[in-house]
C-alpha atoms as a PDB file:
ATOM      1  CA  UNK A   1      69.295 275.181 289.769  1.00  0.00           C
ATOM      2  CA  UNK A   2      72.188 277.280 291.042  1.00  0.00           C
ATOM      3  CA  UNK A   3      75.588 277.660 289.404  1.00  0.00           C
ATOM      4  CA  UNK A   4      77.207 275.913 292.398  1.00  0.00           C
ATOM      5  CA  UNK A   5      78.141 272.262 292.687  1.00  0.00           C
ATOM      6  CA  UNK A   6      75.618 269.701 293.894  1.00  0.00           C
ATOM      7  CA  UNK A   7      76.586 266.372 295.371  1.00  0.00           C
ATOM      8  CA  UNK A   8      78.932 265.500 298.185  1.00  0.00           C
ATOM      9  CA  UNK A   9      80.282 262.061 297.219  1.00  0.00           C
ATOM     10  CA  UNK A  10      82.439 260.876 294.335  1.00  0.00           C
ATOM     11  CA  UNK A  11      80.084 262.499 291.806  1.00  0.00           C
ATOM     12  CA  UNK A  12      79.315 266.215 291.674  1.00  0.00           C
ATOM     13  CA  UNK A  13      77.630 268.360 289.044  1.00  0.00           C
ATOM     14  CA  UNK A  14      76.844 271.952 288.187  1.00  0.00           C
ATOM     15  CA  UNK A  15      75.090 273.961 285.520  1.00  0.00           C
ATOM     16  CA  UNK A  16      76.650 277.082 284.049  1.00  0.00           C
ATOM     17  CA  UNK A  17      74.310 278.480 281.430  1.00  0.00           C
ATOM     18  CA  UNK A  18      73.671 275.686 278.930  1.00  0.00           C
ATOM     19  CA  UNK A  19      76.710 273.669 280.021  1.00  0.00           C
ATOM     20  CA  UNK A  20      76.371 270.810 282.481  1.00  0.00           C
ATOM     21  CA  UNK A  21      79.626 269.663 284.055  1.00  0.00           C
ATOM     22  CA  UNK A  22      79.915 266.433 286.011  1.00  0.00           C
ATOM     23  CA  UNK A  23      83.052 265.320 287.845  1.00  0.00           C
ATOM     24  CA  UNK A  24      83.817 261.862 289.183  1.00  0.00           C
ATOM     25  CA  UNK A  25      86.682 261.560 291.657  1.00  0.00           C
ATOM     26  CA  UNK A  26      89.034 258.619 291.339  1.00  0.00           C
ATOM     27  CA  UNK A  27      89.711 256.128 288.566  1.00  0.00           C
ATOM     28  CA  UNK A  28      89.213 252.415 288.085  1.00  0.00           C
ATOM     29  CA  UNK A  29      90.018 250.183 285.138  1.00  0.00           C
ATOM     30  CA  UNK A  30      86.417 248.925 285.080  1.00  0.00           C
ATOM     31  CA  UNK A  31      84.380 251.237 282.817  1.00  0.00           C
ATOM     32  CA  UNK A  32      81.176 249.487 283.938  1.00  0.00           C
ATOM     33  CA  UNK A  33      81.770 250.834 287.481  1.00  0.00           C
ATOM     34  CA  UNK A  34      80.876 254.362 286.351  1.00  0.00           C
ATOM     35  CA  UNK A  35      77.436 253.704 284.873  1.00  0.00           C
ATOM     36  CA  UNK A  36      75.602 252.870 288.137  1.00  0.00           C
ATOM     37  CA  UNK A  37      77.606 255.469 290.072  1.00  0.00           C
ATOM     38  CA  UNK A  38      76.657 258.355 287.768  1.00  0.00           C
ATOM     39  CA  UNK A  39      73.152 257.005 287.099  1.00  0.00           C
ATOM     40  CA  UNK A  40      72.354 256.925 290.847  1.00  0.00           C
ATOM     41  CA  UNK A  41      73.635 260.462 291.254  1.00  0.00           C
ATOM     42  CA  UNK A  42      71.496 261.703 288.353  1.00  0.00           C
ATOM     43  CA  UNK A  43      68.436 259.822 289.620  1.00  0.00           C
ATOM     44  CA  UNK A  44      68.714 261.082 293.203  1.00  0.00           C
ATOM     45  CA  UNK A  45      70.218 264.552 292.919  1.00  0.00           C
ATOM     46  CA  UNK A  46      69.610 265.957 289.416  1.00  0.00           C
ATOM     47  CA  UNK A  47      66.421 267.941 288.971  1.00  0.00           C
ATOM     48  CA  UNK A  48      66.620 269.315 285.427  1.00  0.00           C
ATOM     49  CA  UNK A  49      64.663 267.741 282.591  1.00  0.00           C
ATOM     50  CA  UNK A  50      66.240 266.262 279.445  1.00  0.00           C
ATOM     51  CA  UNK A  51      66.050 268.267 276.238  1.00  0.00           C
ATOM     52  CA  UNK A  52      65.775 267.542 272.541  1.00  0.00           C
ATOM     53  CA  UNK A  53      68.186 268.658 269.844  1.00  0.00           C
ATOM     54  CA  UNK A  54      71.821 267.909 269.117  1.00  0.00           C
ATOM     55  CA  UNK A  55      74.389 267.783 271.913  1.00  0.00           C
ATOM     56  CA  UNK A  56      78.132 267.957 272.345  1.00  0.00           C
ATOM     57  CA  UNK A  57      79.594 265.686 275.027  1.00  0.00           C
ATOM     58  CA  UNK A  58      83.211 266.019 276.129  1.00  0.00           C
ATOM     59  CA  UNK A  59      84.689 263.385 278.440  1.00  0.00           C
ATOM     60  CA  UNK A  60      88.168 263.894 279.908  1.00  0.00           C
ATOM     61  CA  UNK A  61      89.955 261.329 282.042  1.00  0.00           C
ATOM     62  CA  UNK A  62      92.770 262.788 284.137  1.00  0.00           C
ATOM     63  CA  UNK A  63      95.299 260.359 285.570  1.00  0.00           C
ATOM     64  CA  UNK A  64      98.402 260.607 287.748  1.00  0.00           C
ATOM     65  CA  UNK A  65     101.360 258.621 286.439  1.00  0.00           C
ATOM     66  CA  UNK A  66     100.724 255.891 283.888  1.00  0.00           C
ATOM     67  CA  UNK A  67      97.219 255.909 282.368  1.00  0.00           C
ATOM     68  CA  UNK A  68      94.850 253.176 283.555  1.00  0.00           C
ATOM     69  CA  UNK A  69      94.418 250.190 281.255  1.00  0.00           C
ATOM     70  CA  UNK A  70      90.938 251.094 279.996  1.00  0.00           C
ATOM     71  CA  UNK A  71      89.384 251.487 276.564  1.00  0.00           C
ATOM     72  CA  UNK A  72      88.069 255.035 276.278  1.00  0.00           C
ATOM     73  CA  UNK A  73      85.218 253.910 274.007  1.00  0.00           C
ATOM     74  CA  UNK A  74      83.894 251.656 276.798  1.00  0.00           C
ATOM     75  CA  UNK A  75      84.153 254.520 279.288  1.00  0.00           C
ATOM     76  CA  UNK A  76      82.241 256.819 276.926  1.00  0.00           C
ATOM     77  CA  UNK A  77      79.456 254.266 276.407  1.00  0.00           C
ATOM     78  CA  UNK A  78      79.024 253.707 280.152  1.00  0.00           C
ATOM     79  CA  UNK A  79      78.872 257.439 280.869  1.00  0.00           C
ATOM     80  CA  UNK A  80      76.514 258.205 277.971  1.00  0.00           C
ATOM     81  CA  UNK A  81      74.185 255.449 279.200  1.00  0.00           C
ATOM     82  CA  UNK A  82      74.251 256.976 282.696  1.00  0.00           C
ATOM     83  CA  UNK A  83      73.336 260.534 281.629  1.00  0.00           C
ATOM     84  CA  UNK A  84      70.825 259.535 278.933  1.00  0.00           C
ATOM     85  CA  UNK A  85      67.349 260.474 280.082  1.00  0.00           C
ATOM     86  CA  UNK A  86      68.682 263.229 282.343  1.00  0.00           C
ATOM     87  CA  UNK A  87      70.607 265.605 280.065  1.00  0.00           C
ATOM     88  CA  UNK A  88      69.202 264.455 276.721  1.00  0.00           C
ATOM     89  CA  UNK A  89      66.604 261.873 275.741  1.00  0.00           C
ATOM     90  CA  UNK A  90      68.688 259.480 273.635  1.00  0.00           C
ATOM     91  CA  UNK A  91      72.310 258.789 272.614  1.00  0.00           C
ATOM     92  CA  UNK A  92      71.359 259.592 269.032  1.00  0.00           C
ATOM     93  CA  UNK A  93      71.241 263.276 270.061  1.00  0.00           C
ATOM     94  CA  UNK A  94      75.022 263.282 270.601  1.00  0.00           C
ATOM     95  CA  UNK A  95      76.245 264.991 267.441  1.00  0.00           C
ATOM     96  CA  UNK A  96      79.810 265.473 268.665  1.00  0.00           C
ATOM     97  CA  UNK A  97      81.676 263.286 271.140  1.00  0.00           C
ATOM     98  CA  UNK A  98      85.182 263.999 272.390  1.00  0.00           C
ATOM     99  CA  UNK A  99      86.854 261.464 274.686  1.00  0.00           C
ATOM    100  CA  UNK A 100      90.421 261.963 275.810  1.00  0.00           C
ATOM    101  CA  UNK A 101      92.833 261.190 278.593  1.00  0.00           C
ATOM    102  CA  UNK A 102      95.825 263.101 279.867  1.00  0.00           C
ATOM    103  CA  UNK A 103      97.984 263.409 282.932  1.00  0.00           C
ATOM    104  CA  UNK A 104      96.560 265.729 285.556  1.00  0.00           C
ATOM    105  CA  UNK A 105      96.936 266.816 289.153  1.00  0.00           C
ATOM    106  CA  UNK A 106      94.441 264.237 290.393  1.00  0.00           C
ATOM    107  CA  UNK A 107      92.563 261.197 289.160  1.00  0.00           C
ATOM    108  CA  UNK A 108      89.123 262.146 287.924  1.00  0.00           C
ATOM    109  CA  UNK A 109      86.723 262.130 285.024  1.00  0.00           C
ATOM    110  CA  UNK A 110      84.991 265.269 283.828  1.00  0.00           C
ATOM    111  CA  UNK A 111      81.935 265.245 281.569  1.00  0.00           C
ATOM    112  CA  UNK A 112      80.785 268.443 279.859  1.00  0.00           C
ATOM    113  CA  UNK A 113      77.491 268.369 277.975  1.00  0.00           C
ATOM    114  CA  UNK A 114      75.882 271.243 276.091  1.00  0.00           C
ATOM    115  CA  UNK A 115      73.578 271.883 273.107  1.00  0.00           C
ATOM    116  CA  UNK A 116      75.347 271.977 269.744  1.00  0.00           C
ATOM    117  CA  UNK A 117      75.027 275.294 267.993  1.00  0.00           C
ATOM    118  CA  UNK A 118      73.792 275.167 264.390  1.00  0.00           C
ATOM    119  CA  UNK A 119      76.602 275.306 261.837  1.00  0.00           C
ATOM    120  CA  UNK A 120      76.591 278.247 259.461  1.00  0.00           C
END
């Protein structure tokens, strides 16, 4: 897979070394909206195989103006369910999970997923 972006709709992704970055344009208050959207993208356009081992997943919601009325834990669960089986085999492989929101230039969600390096 190349280092460039794949996808032309609301969801795009790229690989840079061991890091997979996925962006989703736009925001909604319904966390459940994201699971089928990202899942369909992964199913149709992603061609890498899932791996074993521990992973770090970082999810950042950028909003313009007031933040949307959404629980970040529900957003994280929906997105982890969508990428499970494509980036890693099971949620139990997520050893570190960061979920945050902040004001940005545009409304979007970014997911970064990469293998966790051994400590020590």
